Amino acid sequence: MSDASAGSLYVVATPIGNLEDLSPRAARVLGEVALVAAEDTRHTSRLLRHLGIAPAVVSLHEHNEAGRVEHIDARLAAGEDVALVSDAGTPLISDPGFVLVRELRARGRRVVPVPGACALVAALSAAGLATDRFLFNGFLPAKGGARRARLEALVEREESLVFYESPHRIEATLADLSTVFGKRRLVLARELTKTFETFLDGSADELIARLEADPDQARGEFVVMVEGAALREVGETVTLEAEALLASLLAEGVGVKQAASAAARLLGGTKKTWYARAQQLKDGD
């Protein structure tokens, strides 16, 4: 049970480039809290100076996060409010903060999101890829073998795939995407909300050629988006295991409609075609 007299941890999204994207609520919260826990105190201090405010600032990054929990919890217990910020965007989204939020919530502390900029959402909103379902994978492994293994595990996913990537690895990552995904459509978003914001669209090989022709396009932080795999037709997904699944569900008394829904969810394809196949099995065809 939370202590009503304790302070709150505010998880505050900050701009990813354009300072105008800071919400009025975020600016107010940053001006009212007793302490700001920042991924990089120098970076955050520039933002605070821009706002004309000067709360106390302490570092909280991947190397010291666990060690900051007790200090921040003590400040909250004393009734002080604390803001958590990363260098840019929403904390915890491929940024520090998970350990702190998890531990404070386990202790019953109040954690309050102050939403705002997020690079992956901004990129998806303007990429022209399907957004009804997407899978965010953060940063891919730095080493080629591990990176290709991660990509190979995702190649059949039907959702749009989203990754973050740094400028010094972008060409190697595109080469691995070419190897694993072939001609699949990709969209690169770079320098989002900044002066040189760019969206590049094409296959991995086409994007590699674009970067080689204009090295400036390889600068900045990237959001890499990959079109999801084409929906598999039943002809591709029906296997002995699939037939066994449908037969088992029907034998257990599950209706044709429910069995078709389960097959579509687990194996891909459409409910309509799975319904037809389940009906055939039920009829003994």
Protein backbone atom coordinates (compact mmCIF):
# COMPACT_ATOMS: atom_id res chain seq x y z
CA MET A 1 0.00 0.00 0.00
CA SER A 2 1.38 3.41 -0.96
CA ASP A 3 2.20 6.11 1.60
CA ALA A 4 0.00 9.14 0.91
CA SER A 5 2.65 11.46 2.35
CA ALA A 6 5.41 10.15 0.07
CA GLY A 7 6.52 11.87 -3.09
CA SER A 8 6.05 10.63 -6.64
CA LEU A 9 8.48 9.55 -9.32
CA TYR A 10 7.58 11.26 -12.60
CA VAL A 11 8.79 9.49 -15.74
CA VAL A 12 9.18 12.48 -18.05
CA ALA A 13 9.55 12.30 -21.82
CA THR A 14 11.86 14.97 -23.24
CA PRO A 15 12.41 16.14 -26.84
CA ILE A 16 14.29 13.90 -29.28
CA GLY A 17 15.56 16.94 -31.16
CA ASN A 18 13.11 19.80 -31.37
CA LEU A 19 12.75 21.59 -28.04
CA GLU A 20 9.23 22.69 -28.97
CA ASP A 21 8.14 19.08 -28.49
CA LEU A 22 8.48 19.33 -24.71
CA SER A 23 4.95 19.39 -23.32
CA PRO A 24 3.83 22.19 -21.00
CA ARG A 25 3.11 19.54 -18.37
CA ALA A 26 6.64 18.14 -18.63
CA ALA A 27 8.11 21.64 -18.27
CA ARG A 28 5.95 22.28 -15.21
CA VAL A 29 6.87 18.97 -13.57
CA LEU A 30 10.58 19.53 -14.14
CA GLY A 31 10.24 22.95 -12.51
CA GLU A 32 8.39 21.60 -9.47
CA VAL A 33 10.32 18.45 -8.51
CA ALA A 34 13.03 18.45 -5.87
CA LEU A 35 15.35 16.22 -7.89
CA VAL A 36 15.90 15.21 -11.52
CA ALA A 37 17.52 11.82 -12.16
CA ALA A 38 19.15 12.13 -15.58
CA GLU A 39 20.94 9.73 -17.91
CA ASP A 40 23.53 12.43 -18.65
CA THR A 41 23.55 15.36 -16.23
CA ARG A 42 25.37 17.64 -18.68
CA HIS A 43 22.84 17.00 -21.42
CA THR A 44 19.86 17.49 -19.12
CA SER A 45 21.35 20.61 -17.55
CA ARG A 46 21.24 22.28 -20.97
CA LEU A 47 17.52 21.52 -21.22
CA LEU A 48 16.90 22.83 -17.70
CA ARG A 49 18.80 26.05 -18.46
CA HIS A 50 16.69 26.48 -21.60
CA LEU A 51 13.60 26.24 -19.37
CA GLY A 52 15.08 28.67 -16.86
CA ILE A 53 14.86 26.25 -13.94
CA ALA A 54 17.50 24.76 -11.66
CA PRO A 55 16.38 21.68 -9.70
CA ALA A 56 19.00 19.42 -8.17
CA VAL A 57 20.26 16.87 -10.72
CA VAL A 58 21.76 13.43 -10.13
CA SER A 59 23.00 10.93 -12.69
CA LEU A 60 21.15 7.69 -13.33
CA HIS A 61 22.51 5.52 -16.11
CA GLU A 62 23.01 1.84 -16.91
CA HIS A 63 26.16 1.60 -14.77
CA ASN A 64 24.80 3.14 -11.55
CA GLU A 65 21.04 2.66 -11.73
CA ALA A 66 20.77 -0.13 -9.17
CA GLY A 67 22.85 1.91 -6.75
CA ARG A 68 20.57 4.94 -7.07
CA VAL A 69 17.40 3.15 -5.96
CA GLU A 70 17.90 3.64 -2.21
CA HIS A 71 18.79 7.32 -2.58
CA ILE A 72 15.75 8.10 -4.72
CA ASP A 73 13.47 6.00 -2.55
CA ALA A 74 14.64 7.95 0.50
CA ARG A 75 13.84 11.23 -1.24
CA LEU A 76 10.35 9.96 -2.06
CA ALA A 77 9.86 8.71 1.51
CA ALA A 78 10.70 12.22 2.71
CA GLY A 79 7.81 13.57 0.63
CA GLU A 80 9.87 14.93 -2.25
CA ASP A 81 8.95 14.47 -5.89
CA VAL A 82 11.57 13.19 -8.34
CA ALA A 83 11.64 13.30 -12.15
CA LEU A 84 13.33 10.63 -14.25
CA VAL A 85 14.58 11.69 -17.70
CA SER A 86 16.79 10.17 -20.37
CA ASP A 87 18.92 12.03 -22.90
CA ALA A 88 16.03 12.16 -25.36
CA GLY A 89 12.56 10.71 -25.68
CA THR A 90 10.73 8.49 -23.21
CA PRO A 91 12.76 6.93 -20.37
CA LEU A 92 12.97 3.10 -20.26
CA ILE A 93 12.44 2.79 -24.05
CA SER A 94 15.96 1.49 -24.80
CA ASP A 95 17.10 3.89 -22.07
CA PRO A 96 17.80 3.52 -18.33
CA GLY A 97 15.03 3.48 -15.76
CA PHE A 98 13.55 -0.03 -15.73
CA VAL A 99 15.36 -1.15 -12.58
CA LEU A 100 14.36 2.03 -10.72
CA VAL A 101 10.70 1.90 -11.75
CA ARG A 102 10.43 -1.82 -11.01
CA GLU A 103 11.95 -1.47 -7.53
CA LEU A 104 9.94 1.61 -6.58
CA ARG A 105 6.66 0.07 -7.70
CA ALA A 106 7.50 -3.06 -5.71
CA ARG A 107 7.83 -0.81 -2.67
CA GLY A 108 4.47 0.81 -3.28
CA ARG A 109 5.80 4.14 -4.49
CA ARG A 110 3.71 6.20 -6.91
CA VAL A 111 5.15 6.27 -10.45
CA VAL A 112 3.55 8.77 -12.83
CA PRO A 113 4.14 8.84 -16.61
CA VAL A 114 4.44 12.24 -18.29
CA PRO A 115 4.18 11.24 -21.96
CA GLY A 116 5.76 12.96 -24.90
CA ALA A 117 8.30 12.32 -27.63
CA CYS A 118 9.30 8.75 -28.49
CA ALA A 119 11.48 8.04 -31.52
CA LEU A 120 9.94 4.70 -32.46
CA VAL A 121 6.38 6.08 -32.44
CA ALA A 122 7.38 9.22 -34.32
CA ALA A 123 9.16 7.14 -36.98
CA LEU A 124 6.30 4.68 -37.42
CA SER A 125 3.72 7.45 -37.72
CA ALA A 126 5.39 8.79 -40.87
CA ALA A 127 6.93 5.64 -42.40
CA GLY A 128 3.99 4.31 -44.36
CA LEU A 129 4.33 0.81 -42.88
CA ALA A 130 1.53 -1.07 -41.15
CA THR A 131 1.08 0.15 -37.58
CA ASP A 132 -1.83 -1.97 -36.38
CA ARG A 133 0.79 -4.42 -35.10
CA PHE A 134 4.51 -3.83 -34.67
CA LEU A 135 7.37 -5.41 -32.76
CA PHE A 136 9.98 -3.15 -31.18
CA ASN A 137 13.39 -4.79 -30.74
CA GLY A 138 15.49 -1.91 -29.41
CA PHE A 139 19.14 -2.01 -30.47
CA LEU A 140 20.34 -5.08 -32.35
CA PRO A 141 23.48 -6.87 -31.08
CA ALA A 142 26.73 -5.14 -31.99
CA LYS A 143 28.44 -8.29 -33.30
CA GLY A 144 27.49 -9.55 -36.73
CA GLY A 145 26.83 -13.18 -35.85
CA ALA A 146 24.51 -12.36 -32.97
CA ARG A 147 22.83 -9.64 -35.03
CA ARG A 148 22.08 -12.01 -37.92
CA ALA A 149 20.78 -14.64 -35.50
CA ARG A 150 18.36 -12.11 -34.00
CA LEU A 151 17.17 -11.09 -37.46
CA GLU A 152 16.73 -14.69 -38.59
CA ALA A 153 14.51 -15.31 -35.57
CA LEU A 154 12.27 -12.47 -36.73
CA VAL A 155 12.15 -13.02 -40.48
CA GLU A 156 8.74 -14.73 -40.45
CA ARG A 157 7.05 -12.24 -38.11
CA GLU A 158 4.09 -10.58 -39.79
CA GLU A 159 4.23 -7.38 -37.73
CA SER A 160 6.26 -4.35 -38.80
CA LEU A 161 9.68 -4.64 -37.12
CA VAL A 162 11.33 -1.65 -35.48
CA PHE A 163 14.96 -1.29 -34.35
CA TYR A 164 17.22 1.49 -33.15
CA GLU A 165 20.68 1.73 -34.68
CA SER A 166 23.75 3.94 -34.31
CA PRO A 167 25.52 5.63 -37.24
CA HIS A 168 28.71 3.58 -36.97
CA ARG A 169 26.78 0.29 -37.34
CA ILE A 170 24.03 1.25 -39.78
CA GLU A 171 25.74 -0.02 -42.94
CA ALA A 172 26.69 -3.35 -41.36
CA THR A 173 23.13 -3.74 -40.10
CA LEU A 174 21.72 -2.99 -43.56
CA ALA A 175 24.05 -5.62 -45.03
CA ASP A 176 22.71 -8.19 -42.57
CA LEU A 177 19.14 -7.12 -43.31
CA SER A 178 19.86 -7.70 -47.01
CA THR A 179 21.18 -11.19 -46.24
CA VAL A 180 18.23 -12.18 -44.05
CA PHE A 181 15.28 -10.22 -45.49
CA GLY A 182 16.32 -9.98 -49.14
CA LYS A 183 14.21 -7.43 -51.05
CA ARG A 184 11.80 -6.78 -48.17
CA ARG A 185 10.82 -3.11 -47.88
CA LEU A 186 12.67 -1.05 -45.27
CA VAL A 187 12.30 2.51 -44.05
CA LEU A 188 15.13 4.38 -42.33
CA ALA A 189 14.26 7.42 -40.22
CA ARG A 190 17.19 9.56 -39.14
CA GLU A 191 17.62 12.78 -37.17
CA LEU A 192 13.94 12.82 -36.25
CA THR A 193 12.50 16.29 -35.50
CA LYS A 194 15.88 17.88 -36.27
CA THR A 195 16.96 20.09 -39.17
CA PHE A 196 18.11 17.19 -41.35
CA GLU A 197 15.28 14.78 -40.61
CA THR A 198 15.15 12.20 -43.40
CA PHE A 199 13.11 9.14 -44.32
CA LEU A 200 14.72 6.69 -46.76
CA ASP A 201 12.61 3.94 -48.30
CA GLY A 202 13.59 0.83 -50.27
CA SER A 203 15.24 -2.56 -50.00
CA ALA A 204 18.34 -2.97 -47.85
CA ASP A 205 20.57 -3.02 -50.95
CA GLU A 206 18.96 0.15 -52.28
CA LEU A 207 19.46 1.90 -48.96
CA ILE A 208 23.10 0.81 -48.79
CA ALA A 209 23.61 2.38 -52.23
CA ARG A 210 21.96 5.59 -51.02
CA LEU A 211 24.28 5.80 -48.02
CA GLU A 212 27.35 5.07 -50.12
CA ALA A 213 26.38 7.76 -52.63
CA ASP A 214 25.76 10.32 -49.87
CA PRO A 215 27.78 9.64 -46.69
CA ASP A 216 25.85 12.39 -44.88
CA GLN A 217 22.86 10.03 -44.87
CA ALA A 218 24.78 7.69 -42.57
CA ARG A 219 24.99 10.33 -39.83
CA GLY A 220 22.72 10.66 -36.83
CA GLU A 221 20.66 8.18 -34.87
CA PHE A 222 18.43 5.79 -36.82
CA VAL A 223 15.10 4.09 -36.44
CA VAL A 224 15.12 1.08 -38.77
CA MET A 225 11.70 -0.24 -39.79
CA VAL A 226 11.10 -3.45 -41.74
CA GLU A 227 7.89 -4.46 -43.45
CA GLY A 228 6.33 -7.53 -41.87
CA ALA A 229 6.34 -10.89 -43.63
CA ALA A 230 3.47 -11.51 -46.01
CA LEU A 231 0.53 -13.30 -44.43
CA ARG A 232 0.96 -17.01 -44.95
CA GLU A 233 -1.78 -18.77 -46.80
CA VAL A 234 -3.20 -21.97 -45.40
CA GLY A 235 -1.51 -23.94 -48.17
CA GLU A 236 1.81 -22.84 -46.72
CA THR A 237 0.92 -23.38 -43.09
CA VAL A 238 -1.05 -26.63 -43.13
CA THR A 239 1.25 -29.35 -41.83
CA LEU A 240 0.69 -32.61 -40.03
CA GLU A 241 0.95 -30.67 -36.77
CA ALA A 242 -1.67 -28.16 -37.98
CA GLU A 243 -4.05 -30.92 -38.97
CA ALA A 244 -3.46 -32.58 -35.61
CA LEU A 245 -4.16 -29.32 -33.77
CA LEU A 246 -7.48 -28.81 -35.53
CA ALA A 247 -8.48 -32.45 -35.08
CA SER A 248 -7.57 -32.35 -31.39
CA LEU A 249 -9.57 -29.18 -30.77
CA LEU A 250 -12.60 -30.58 -32.55
CA ALA A 251 -12.31 -33.87 -30.66
CA GLU A 252 -12.33 -31.94 -27.37
CA GLY A 253 -15.63 -30.38 -28.34
CA VAL A 254 -14.29 -26.98 -29.41
CA GLY A 255 -16.53 -25.45 -32.05
CA VAL A 256 -15.43 -25.02 -35.64
CA LYS A 257 -15.32 -21.23 -35.30
CA GLN A 258 -13.20 -21.32 -32.13
CA ALA A 259 -10.85 -23.95 -33.59
CA ALA A 260 -10.37 -21.79 -36.71
CA SER A 261 -9.59 -18.74 -34.57
CA ALA A 262 -7.02 -20.67 -32.56
CA ALA A 263 -5.34 -22.01 -35.71
CA ALA A 264 -5.17 -18.56 -37.31
CA ARG A 265 -3.69 -17.09 -34.14
CA LEU A 266 -1.07 -19.81 -33.71
CA LEU A 267 -0.23 -20.67 -37.32
CA GLY A 268 -1.05 -17.62 -39.43
CA GLY A 269 -3.42 -17.50 -42.36
CA THR A 270 -7.01 -16.27 -42.22
CA LYS A 271 -9.84 -17.43 -39.97
CA LYS A 272 -12.00 -17.93 -43.06
CA THR A 273 -9.70 -20.49 -44.62
CA TRP A 274 -9.05 -22.27 -41.33
CA TYR A 275 -12.80 -22.37 -40.74
CA ALA A 276 -13.28 -24.11 -44.09
CA ARG A 277 -10.57 -26.67 -43.25
CA ALA A 278 -11.96 -27.28 -39.76
CA GLN A 279 -15.42 -27.79 -41.21
CA GLN A 280 -13.99 -30.34 -43.66
CA LEU A 281 -12.35 -32.23 -40.81
CA LYS A 282 -15.55 -32.16 -38.79
CA ASP A 283 -17.46 -33.53 -41.77
CA GLY A 284 -14.88 -36.31 -42.18
CA ASP A 285 -13.33 -35.03 -45.44
